[in-house]
Amino acid sequence: MKYEDILYDINDGIARVTLNQPEKRNRLSNRTLLEIIDALERAKEDPDVRVIIITGAGDKAFCAGADIREFIGNSNLVNRKQYEAYARLCTIFGELGKPTIASVRGWALAGGFGLAIYPDITIASEDAKFGTPEINIGVWPMMVSASLMRTVGRKKALEMMFTGEVLDAKEAMTLGLVNRVVPAEELEAETMALADKLKGRSPAVMKLGRDAFYNMMDMEFNQAVDYLKDMIVVLLGTEDAQEGCKAFVEKRDPVWRGR
């Protein structure tokens, strides 16, 4: 796919997907959604990619959500097509098998708020803003609510969606929506430092552990424990886990082979 709305690049094992329409606050048109999904699928299949970063161009908005003009006068069929793309965006992060980081500056609203919290880790600048303001224009954040409820719980999720309130970065971190808040001028350095740290981990173990985490999230507790018991056995059978244990005993750095 030729990208018009995003940039995609790989540097030293780190793939970066950048929403690249700062003049439009990096809004999510249907084309933008398809481009993001395509880039993520490329990163997933590329063995050289160890970590994936999602960010937005400019200093005003990470992503201000959907292009509202695309909703006006559409048939249900057209709206369903667009939201099939967003539904895929909601689910693809759990399937990537590689750590993902959202690097957020400025507005992260509505669908853009979802894009900011779907990755594994979210780092925000102090001037970042998060929220689901759809109710203010007579819309409900249907797609985002699945992840929002699982992140902050029922009561706070409903309050955010009922009121359309926008949170600053520190409030978002208090609720567990954001992992770290840093000054704007330090956002890139903090993001890259974390990505560099994660890419040094065993890709085989990261994939198995990450997949197990997402698979067990909605399991009943005893079922989750039973599933994780099987997964640790699988993990300990990998070359990388064996290498890591040997390296620890031998007091040397491990050499990961991704197997």
C-alpha atoms as a PDB file:
ATOM      1  CA  MET A   1       0.000   0.000   0.000  1.00  0.00           C
ATOM      2  CA  LYS A   2       1.209   3.502  -0.822  1.00  0.00           C
ATOM      3  CA  TYR A   3       0.787   5.710   2.236  1.00  0.00           C
ATOM      4  CA  GLU A   4      -0.690   9.192   1.930  1.00  0.00           C
ATOM      5  CA  ASP A   5      -1.726   9.934   5.533  1.00  0.00           C
ATOM      6  CA  ILE A   6       1.009   8.228   7.539  1.00  0.00           C
ATOM      7  CA  LEU A   7       4.755   7.685   7.547  1.00  0.00           C
ATOM      8  CA  TYR A   8       6.303   4.285   8.160  1.00  0.00           C
ATOM      9  CA  ASP A   9       9.973   3.713   8.801  1.00  0.00           C
ATOM     10  CA  ILE A  10      12.244   1.181  10.462  1.00  0.00           C
ATOM     11  CA  ASN A  11      15.488   2.048  12.186  1.00  0.00           C
ATOM     12  CA  ASP A  12      17.651  -0.438  14.082  1.00  0.00           C
ATOM     13  CA  GLY A  13      14.823  -2.824  14.922  1.00  0.00           C
ATOM     14  CA  ILE A  14      12.277  -0.129  15.802  1.00  0.00           C
ATOM     15  CA  ALA A  15       9.303   0.498  13.494  1.00  0.00           C
ATOM     16  CA  ARG A  16       7.601   3.874  13.708  1.00  0.00           C
ATOM     17  CA  VAL A  17       4.086   4.604  12.467  1.00  0.00           C
ATOM     18  CA  THR A  18       3.472   8.367  12.339  1.00  0.00           C
ATOM     19  CA  LEU A  19       0.090   9.918  11.635  1.00  0.00           C
ATOM     20  CA  ASN A  20       1.190  12.657   9.261  1.00  0.00           C
ATOM     21  CA  GLN A  21      -1.597  15.190   8.821  1.00  0.00           C
ATOM     22  CA  PRO A  22      -0.840  17.766  11.529  1.00  0.00           C
ATOM     23  CA  GLU A  23      -2.893  20.407   9.722  1.00  0.00           C
ATOM     24  CA  LYS A  24      -5.941  18.157  10.293  1.00  0.00           C
ATOM     25  CA  ARG A  25      -4.935  17.227  13.853  1.00  0.00           C
ATOM     26  CA  ASN A  26      -4.004  13.781  12.481  1.00  0.00           C
ATOM     27  CA  ARG A  27      -7.644  12.796  12.154  1.00  0.00           C
ATOM     28  CA  LEU A  28      -8.691   9.240  11.350  1.00  0.00           C
ATOM     29  CA  SER A  29     -10.312   9.016   7.946  1.00  0.00           C
ATOM     30  CA  ASN A  30     -11.132   5.580   6.586  1.00  0.00           C
ATOM     31  CA  ARG A  31      -8.025   5.769   4.412  1.00  0.00           C
ATOM     32  CA  THR A  32      -5.889   6.642   7.429  1.00  0.00           C
ATOM     33  CA  LEU A  33      -7.249   3.656   9.346  1.00  0.00           C
ATOM     34  CA  LEU A  34      -6.441   1.280   6.507  1.00  0.00           C
ATOM     35  CA  GLU A  35      -2.932   2.696   6.199  1.00  0.00           C
ATOM     36  CA  ILE A  36      -2.249   2.295   9.938  1.00  0.00           C
ATOM     37  CA  ILE A  37      -3.521  -1.292   9.861  1.00  0.00           C
ATOM     38  CA  ASP A  38      -1.370  -2.084   6.826  1.00  0.00           C
ATOM     39  CA  ALA A  39       1.737  -0.623   8.495  1.00  0.00           C
ATOM     40  CA  LEU A  40       1.116  -2.583  11.701  1.00  0.00           C
ATOM     41  CA  GLU A  41       0.685  -5.799   9.748  1.00  0.00           C
ATOM     42  CA  ARG A  42       3.962  -5.104   7.937  1.00  0.00           C
ATOM     43  CA  ALA A  43       5.713  -4.560  11.256  1.00  0.00           C
ATOM     44  CA  LYS A  44       4.198  -7.758  12.640  1.00  0.00           C
ATOM     45  CA  GLU A  45       5.524  -9.867   9.759  1.00  0.00           C
ATOM     46  CA  ASP A  46       8.964  -8.220   9.578  1.00  0.00           C
ATOM     47  CA  PRO A  47      11.463 -10.330  11.594  1.00  0.00           C
ATOM     48  CA  ASP A  48      13.793  -7.335  11.870  1.00  0.00           C
ATOM     49  CA  VAL A  49      11.199  -5.313  13.819  1.00  0.00           C
ATOM     50  CA  ARG A  50      11.433  -5.761  17.583  1.00  0.00           C
ATOM     51  CA  VAL A  51       9.390  -2.766  18.831  1.00  0.00           C
ATOM     52  CA  ILE A  52       6.618  -0.630  17.297  1.00  0.00           C
ATOM     53  CA  ILE A  53       6.031   3.057  18.090  1.00  0.00           C
ATOM     54  CA  ILE A  54       2.811   4.921  17.249  1.00  0.00           C
ATOM     55  CA  THR A  55       2.957   8.716  17.199  1.00  0.00           C
ATOM     56  CA  GLY A  56       1.520  11.813  15.529  1.00  0.00           C
ATOM     57  CA  ALA A  57       3.225  14.571  13.593  1.00  0.00           C
ATOM     58  CA  GLY A  58       3.240  18.093  14.995  1.00  0.00           C
ATOM     59  CA  ASP A  59       2.822  19.398  18.517  1.00  0.00           C
ATOM     60  CA  LYS A  60      -0.941  20.037  18.584  1.00  0.00           C
ATOM     61  CA  ALA A  61      -2.451  16.569  18.377  1.00  0.00           C
ATOM     62  CA  PHE A  62      -1.480  12.929  18.545  1.00  0.00           C
ATOM     63  CA  CYS A  63      -4.851  12.200  16.947  1.00  0.00           C
ATOM     64  CA  ALA A  64      -8.088  14.154  17.357  1.00  0.00           C
ATOM     65  CA  GLY A  65     -10.329  11.271  16.319  1.00  0.00           C
ATOM     66  CA  ALA A  66     -12.472  10.615  13.274  1.00  0.00           C
ATOM     67  CA  ASP A  67     -13.155  13.004  10.449  1.00  0.00           C
ATOM     68  CA  ILE A  68     -16.733  13.921  11.438  1.00  0.00           C
ATOM     69  CA  ARG A  69     -17.594  14.951   7.892  1.00  0.00           C
ATOM     70  CA  GLU A  70     -17.396  11.298   6.865  1.00  0.00           C
ATOM     71  CA  PHE A  71     -20.412  10.507   9.090  1.00  0.00           C
ATOM     72  CA  ILE A  72     -22.842  12.992   7.548  1.00  0.00           C
ATOM     73  CA  GLY A  73     -25.449  11.598   5.180  1.00  0.00           C
ATOM     74  CA  ASN A  74     -23.930   8.130   4.959  1.00  0.00           C
ATOM     75  CA  SER A  75     -25.889   4.930   4.630  1.00  0.00           C
ATOM     76  CA  ASN A  76     -25.570   2.273   7.302  1.00  0.00           C
ATOM     77  CA  LEU A  77     -23.546   0.233   4.818  1.00  0.00           C
ATOM     78  CA  VAL A  78     -20.954   2.996   4.422  1.00  0.00           C
ATOM     79  CA  ASN A  79     -20.732   3.560   8.178  1.00  0.00           C
ATOM     80  CA  ARG A  80     -20.344  -0.169   8.787  1.00  0.00           C
ATOM     81  CA  LYS A  81     -17.454  -0.328   6.316  1.00  0.00           C
ATOM     82  CA  GLN A  82     -15.589   2.431   8.131  1.00  0.00           C
ATOM     83  CA  TYR A  83     -16.156   0.901  11.535  1.00  0.00           C
ATOM     84  CA  GLU A  84     -15.055  -2.496  10.340  1.00  0.00           C
ATOM     85  CA  ALA A  85     -11.686  -0.826   9.753  1.00  0.00           C
ATOM     86  CA  TYR A  86     -11.690   0.740  13.225  1.00  0.00           C
ATOM     87  CA  ALA A  87     -12.725  -2.573  14.788  1.00  0.00           C
ATOM     88  CA  ARG A  88      -9.696  -4.141  13.157  1.00  0.00           C
ATOM     89  CA  LEU A  89      -7.542  -1.365  14.620  1.00  0.00           C
ATOM     90  CA  CYS A  90      -8.945  -2.186  18.071  1.00  0.00           C
ATOM     91  CA  THR A  91      -7.992  -5.842  17.847  1.00  0.00           C
ATOM     92  CA  ILE A  92      -4.753  -5.841  15.879  1.00  0.00           C
ATOM     93  CA  PHE A  93      -2.594  -4.598  18.750  1.00  0.00           C
ATOM     94  CA  GLY A  94      -3.217  -7.754  20.732  1.00  0.00           C
ATOM     95  CA  GLU A  95      -2.014  -9.862  17.788  1.00  0.00           C
ATOM     96  CA  LEU A  96       1.259  -8.115  16.942  1.00  0.00           C
ATOM     97  CA  GLY A  97       3.494 -10.295  19.122  1.00  0.00           C
ATOM     98  CA  LYS A  98       5.854  -7.360  19.685  1.00  0.00           C
ATOM     99  CA  PRO A  99       5.853  -4.572  22.276  1.00  0.00           C
ATOM    100  CA  THR A 100       4.080  -1.407  21.189  1.00  0.00           C
ATOM    101  CA  ILE A 101       4.476   2.134  22.495  1.00  0.00           C
ATOM    102  CA  ALA A 102       2.198   5.133  21.977  1.00  0.00           C
ATOM    103  CA  SER A 103       4.127   8.411  22.140  1.00  0.00           C
ATOM    104  CA  VAL A 104       1.495  11.083  22.710  1.00  0.00           C
ATOM    105  CA  ARG A 105       1.722  14.855  22.470  1.00  0.00           C
ATOM    106  CA  GLY A 106      -1.295  17.154  22.320  1.00  0.00           C
ATOM    107  CA  TRP A 107      -4.874  15.995  21.828  1.00  0.00           C
ATOM    108  CA  ALA A 108      -5.776  12.296  21.924  1.00  0.00           C
ATOM    109  CA  LEU A 109      -9.542  12.313  21.565  1.00  0.00           C
ATOM    110  CA  ALA A 110     -12.326   9.892  20.613  1.00  0.00           C
ATOM    111  CA  GLY A 111     -10.910   7.317  18.205  1.00  0.00           C
ATOM    112  CA  GLY A 112      -7.516   8.941  18.681  1.00  0.00           C
ATOM    113  CA  PHE A 113      -7.852   8.366  22.411  1.00  0.00           C
ATOM    114  CA  GLY A 114      -8.407   4.705  21.625  1.00  0.00           C
ATOM    115  CA  LEU A 115      -5.311   4.647  19.449  1.00  0.00           C
ATOM    116  CA  ALA A 116      -3.344   6.122  22.371  1.00  0.00           C
ATOM    117  CA  ILE A 117      -4.392   3.397  24.830  1.00  0.00           C
ATOM    118  CA  TYR A 118      -4.443   0.298  22.593  1.00  0.00           C
ATOM    119  CA  PRO A 119      -0.612  -0.069  22.593  1.00  0.00           C
ATOM    120  CA  ASP A 120       1.081  -1.853  25.480  1.00  0.00           C
ATOM    121  CA  ILE A 121       2.703   1.270  26.930  1.00  0.00           C
ATOM    122  CA  THR A 122       1.714   4.929  26.600  1.00  0.00           C
ATOM    123  CA  ILE A 123       4.141   7.782  27.188  1.00  0.00           C
ATOM    124  CA  ALA A 124       2.653  11.280  27.191  1.00  0.00           C
ATOM    125  CA  SER A 125       3.985  14.796  27.215  1.00  0.00           C
ATOM    126  CA  GLU A 126       2.810  17.102  29.980  1.00  0.00           C
ATOM    127  CA  ASP A 127       0.638  18.995  27.492  1.00  0.00           C
ATOM    128  CA  ALA A 128      -1.212  15.884  26.269  1.00  0.00           C
ATOM    129  CA  LYS A 129      -5.011  15.699  26.656  1.00  0.00           C
ATOM    130  CA  PHE A 130      -7.141  12.565  26.660  1.00  0.00           C
ATOM    131  CA  GLY A 131     -10.878  12.068  26.393  1.00  0.00           C
ATOM    132  CA  THR A 132     -14.067  10.784  24.784  1.00  0.00           C
ATOM    133  CA  PRO A 133     -15.981  13.962  23.886  1.00  0.00           C
ATOM    134  CA  GLU A 134     -18.307  12.268  21.387  1.00  0.00           C
ATOM    135  CA  ILE A 135     -21.380  12.810  23.585  1.00  0.00           C
ATOM    136  CA  ASN A 136     -21.080  16.544  22.921  1.00  0.00           C
ATOM    137  CA  ILE A 137     -22.038  16.018  19.272  1.00  0.00           C
ATOM    138  CA  GLY A 138     -24.639  13.340  19.887  1.00  0.00           C
ATOM    139  CA  VAL A 139     -22.374  10.338  19.329  1.00  0.00           C
ATOM    140  CA  TRP A 140     -21.251   7.604  21.741  1.00  0.00           C
ATOM    141  CA  PRO A 141     -17.682   6.191  21.856  1.00  0.00           C
ATOM    142  CA  MET A 142     -18.818   2.669  21.111  1.00  0.00           C
ATOM    143  CA  MET A 143     -15.548   1.226  19.864  1.00  0.00           C
ATOM    144  CA  VAL A 144     -13.299   2.834  22.463  1.00  0.00           C
ATOM    145  CA  SER A 145     -15.484   1.724  25.365  1.00  0.00           C
ATOM    146  CA  ALA A 146     -14.295  -1.907  25.203  1.00  0.00           C
ATOM    147  CA  SER A 147     -10.700  -0.940  26.009  1.00  0.00           C
ATOM    148  CA  LEU A 148     -11.609   1.986  28.243  1.00  0.00           C
ATOM    149  CA  MET A 149     -13.710  -0.178  30.584  1.00  0.00           C
ATOM    150  CA  ARG A 150     -10.937  -2.768  30.807  1.00  0.00           C
ATOM    151  CA  THR A 151      -8.407  -0.079  31.651  1.00  0.00           C
ATOM    152  CA  VAL A 152     -10.160   2.201  34.153  1.00  0.00           C
ATOM    153  CA  GLY A 153     -13.175   0.169  35.278  1.00  0.00           C
ATOM    154  CA  ARG A 154     -16.918   0.592  34.826  1.00  0.00           C
ATOM    155  CA  LYS A 155     -17.620   3.695  36.894  1.00  0.00           C
ATOM    156  CA  LYS A 156     -14.861   5.942  35.585  1.00  0.00           C
ATOM    157  CA  ALA A 157     -15.373   4.746  32.027  1.00  0.00           C
ATOM    158  CA  LEU A 158     -19.063   5.647  32.170  1.00  0.00           C
ATOM    159  CA  GLU A 159     -18.324   9.014  33.770  1.00  0.00           C
ATOM    160  CA  MET A 160     -15.881   9.864  30.980  1.00  0.00           C
ATOM    161  CA  MET A 161     -18.316   8.807  28.274  1.00  0.00           C
ATOM    162  CA  PHE A 162     -21.364  10.471  29.892  1.00  0.00           C
ATOM    163  CA  THR A 163     -19.652  13.816  30.442  1.00  0.00           C
ATOM    164  CA  GLY A 164     -17.192  13.963  27.575  1.00  0.00           C
ATOM    165  CA  GLU A 165     -14.607  15.231  30.048  1.00  0.00           C
ATOM    166  CA  VAL A 166     -11.052  15.698  28.846  1.00  0.00           C
ATOM    167  CA  LEU A 167      -8.214  14.658  31.145  1.00  0.00           C
ATOM    168  CA  ASP A 168      -4.754  16.126  31.350  1.00  0.00           C
ATOM    169  CA  ALA A 169      -1.777  13.794  31.184  1.00  0.00           C
ATOM    170  CA  LYS A 170      -1.283  13.490  34.941  1.00  0.00           C
ATOM    171  CA  GLU A 171      -4.965  12.645  35.501  1.00  0.00           C
ATOM    172  CA  ALA A 172      -4.722  10.041  32.744  1.00  0.00           C
ATOM    173  CA  MET A 173      -1.666   8.522  34.414  1.00  0.00           C
ATOM    174  CA  THR A 174      -3.468   8.370  37.769  1.00  0.00           C
ATOM    175  CA  LEU A 175      -6.223   6.314  36.106  1.00  0.00           C
ATOM    176  CA  GLY A 176      -3.743   3.935  34.491  1.00  0.00           C
ATOM    177  CA  LEU A 177      -4.329   5.207  30.946  1.00  0.00           C
ATOM    178  CA  VAL A 178      -0.767   6.493  30.694  1.00  0.00           C
ATOM    179  CA  ASN A 179       2.450   4.913  31.980  1.00  0.00           C
ATOM    180  CA  ARG A 180       4.711   7.961  32.055  1.00  0.00           C
ATOM    181  CA  VAL A 181       4.362  11.731  31.749  1.00  0.00           C
ATOM    182  CA  VAL A 182       7.377  13.780  30.696  1.00  0.00           C
ATOM    183  CA  PRO A 183       8.084  17.346  29.561  1.00  0.00           C
ATOM    184  CA  ALA A 184       7.316  17.798  25.865  1.00  0.00           C
ATOM    185  CA  GLU A 185      10.965  18.332  24.994  1.00  0.00           C
ATOM    186  CA  GLU A 186      11.827  14.956  26.572  1.00  0.00           C
ATOM    187  CA  LEU A 187       9.064  12.882  24.949  1.00  0.00           C
ATOM    188  CA  GLU A 188      11.098  11.628  22.000  1.00  0.00           C
ATOM    189  CA  ALA A 189      14.141  10.753  24.103  1.00  0.00           C
ATOM    190  CA  GLU A 190      12.014   8.932  26.704  1.00  0.00           C
ATOM    191  CA  THR A 191      10.179   7.004  23.996  1.00  0.00           C
ATOM    192  CA  MET A 192      13.371   5.938  22.260  1.00  0.00           C
ATOM    193  CA  ALA A 193      15.089   4.986  25.522  1.00  0.00           C
ATOM    194  CA  LEU A 194      12.214   2.629  26.331  1.00  0.00           C
ATOM    195  CA  ALA A 195      12.125   1.223  22.777  1.00  0.00           C
ATOM    196  CA  ASP A 196      15.868   0.582  22.892  1.00  0.00           C
ATOM    197  CA  LYS A 197      15.473  -1.250  26.206  1.00  0.00           C
ATOM    198  CA  LEU A 198      12.622  -3.428  24.929  1.00  0.00           C
ATOM    199  CA  LYS A 199      14.315  -4.355  21.663  1.00  0.00           C
ATOM    200  CA  GLY A 200      17.150  -5.867  23.699  1.00  0.00           C
ATOM    201  CA  ARG A 201      14.848  -8.511  25.175  1.00  0.00           C
ATOM    202  CA  SER A 202      14.363 -11.954  23.678  1.00  0.00           C
ATOM    203  CA  PRO A 203      11.843 -11.616  20.820  1.00  0.00           C
ATOM    204  CA  ALA A 204      10.684 -15.201  21.337  1.00  0.00           C
ATOM    205  CA  VAL A 205      10.009 -14.715  25.034  1.00  0.00           C
ATOM    206  CA  MET A 206       8.414 -11.291  24.483  1.00  0.00           C
ATOM    207  CA  LYS A 207       6.018 -12.790  21.943  1.00  0.00           C
ATOM    208  CA  LEU A 208       5.063 -15.781  24.063  1.00  0.00           C
ATOM    209  CA  GLY A 209       4.650 -13.697  27.204  1.00  0.00           C
ATOM    210  CA  ARG A 210       2.736 -10.917  25.500  1.00  0.00           C
ATOM    211  CA  ASP A 211       0.430 -13.356  23.686  1.00  0.00           C
ATOM    212  CA  ALA A 212      -0.243 -15.211  26.934  1.00  0.00           C
ATOM    213  CA  PHE A 213      -1.062 -11.951  28.718  1.00  0.00           C
ATOM    214  CA  TYR A 214      -3.644 -10.871  26.151  1.00  0.00           C
ATOM    215  CA  ASN A 215      -5.122 -14.356  25.811  1.00  0.00           C
ATOM    216  CA  MET A 216      -5.740 -14.733  29.553  1.00  0.00           C
ATOM    217  CA  MET A 217      -7.142 -11.231  30.171  1.00  0.00           C
ATOM    218  CA  ASP A 218     -10.785 -12.218  29.935  1.00  0.00           C
ATOM    219  CA  MET A 219     -10.462 -15.739  31.313  1.00  0.00           C
ATOM    220  CA  GLU A 220     -11.933 -16.821  34.634  1.00  0.00           C
ATOM    221  CA  PHE A 221      -9.162 -16.891  37.265  1.00  0.00           C
ATOM    222  CA  ASN A 222      -8.737 -20.653  37.582  1.00  0.00           C
ATOM    223  CA  GLN A 223      -8.855 -21.027  33.807  1.00  0.00           C
ATOM    224  CA  ALA A 224      -6.180 -18.333  33.466  1.00  0.00           C
ATOM    225  CA  VAL A 225      -3.916 -20.043  35.991  1.00  0.00           C
ATOM    226  CA  ASP A 226      -4.292 -23.370  34.207  1.00  0.00           C
ATOM    227  CA  TYR A 227      -3.556 -21.755  30.833  1.00  0.00           C
ATOM    228  CA  LEU A 228      -0.497 -19.902  32.175  1.00  0.00           C
ATOM    229  CA  LYS A 229       0.833 -23.132  33.690  1.00  0.00           C
ATOM    230  CA  ASP A 230       0.924 -24.631  30.200  1.00  0.00           C
ATOM    231  CA  MET A 231       2.442 -21.485  28.697  1.00  0.00           C
ATOM    232  CA  ILE A 232       5.380 -21.339  31.131  1.00  0.00           C
ATOM    233  CA  VAL A 233       6.220 -24.918  30.152  1.00  0.00           C
ATOM    234  CA  VAL A 234       6.202 -23.884  26.475  1.00  0.00           C
ATOM    235  CA  LEU A 235       8.302 -20.819  27.225  1.00  0.00           C
ATOM    236  CA  LEU A 236      10.936 -22.723  29.210  1.00  0.00           C
ATOM    237  CA  GLY A 237      11.343 -25.028  26.209  1.00  0.00           C
ATOM    238  CA  THR A 238      12.526 -22.191  23.966  1.00  0.00           C
ATOM    239  CA  GLU A 239      16.190 -21.753  23.089  1.00  0.00           C
ATOM    240  CA  ASP A 240      16.109 -18.173  24.352  1.00  0.00           C
ATOM    241  CA  ALA A 241      14.768 -19.095  27.801  1.00  0.00           C
ATOM    242  CA  GLN A 242      17.422 -21.769  28.135  1.00  0.00           C
ATOM    243  CA  GLU A 243      20.091 -19.336  26.971  1.00  0.00           C
ATOM    244  CA  GLY A 244      18.897 -16.694  29.428  1.00  0.00           C
ATOM    245  CA  CYS A 245      19.040 -19.096  32.371  1.00  0.00           C
ATOM    246  CA  LYS A 246      22.489 -20.350  31.364  1.00  0.00           C
ATOM    247  CA  ALA A 247      23.784 -16.811  30.910  1.00  0.00           C
ATOM    248  CA  PHE A 248      22.532 -15.865  34.376  1.00  0.00           C
ATOM    249  CA  VAL A 249      24.283 -18.840  35.992  1.00  0.00           C
ATOM    250  CA  GLU A 250      27.447 -18.210  33.984  1.00  0.00           C
ATOM    251  CA  LYS A 251      27.364 -14.472  34.771  1.00  0.00           C
ATOM    252  CA  ARG A 252      27.434 -13.318  31.143  1.00  0.00           C
ATOM    253  CA  ASP A 253      25.152 -11.480  28.753  1.00  0.00           C
ATOM    254  CA  PRO A 254      22.661 -13.712  26.903  1.00  0.00           C
ATOM    255  CA  VAL A 255      22.702 -14.015  23.127  1.00  0.00           C
ATOM    256  CA  TRP A 256      19.127 -14.106  21.851  1.00  0.00           C
ATOM    257  CA  ARG A 257      18.297 -16.100  18.743  1.00  0.00           C
ATOM    258  CA  GLY A 258      14.560 -15.542  18.730  1.00  0.00           C
ATOM    259  CA  ARG A 259      13.796 -19.230  19.049  1.00  0.00           C
END
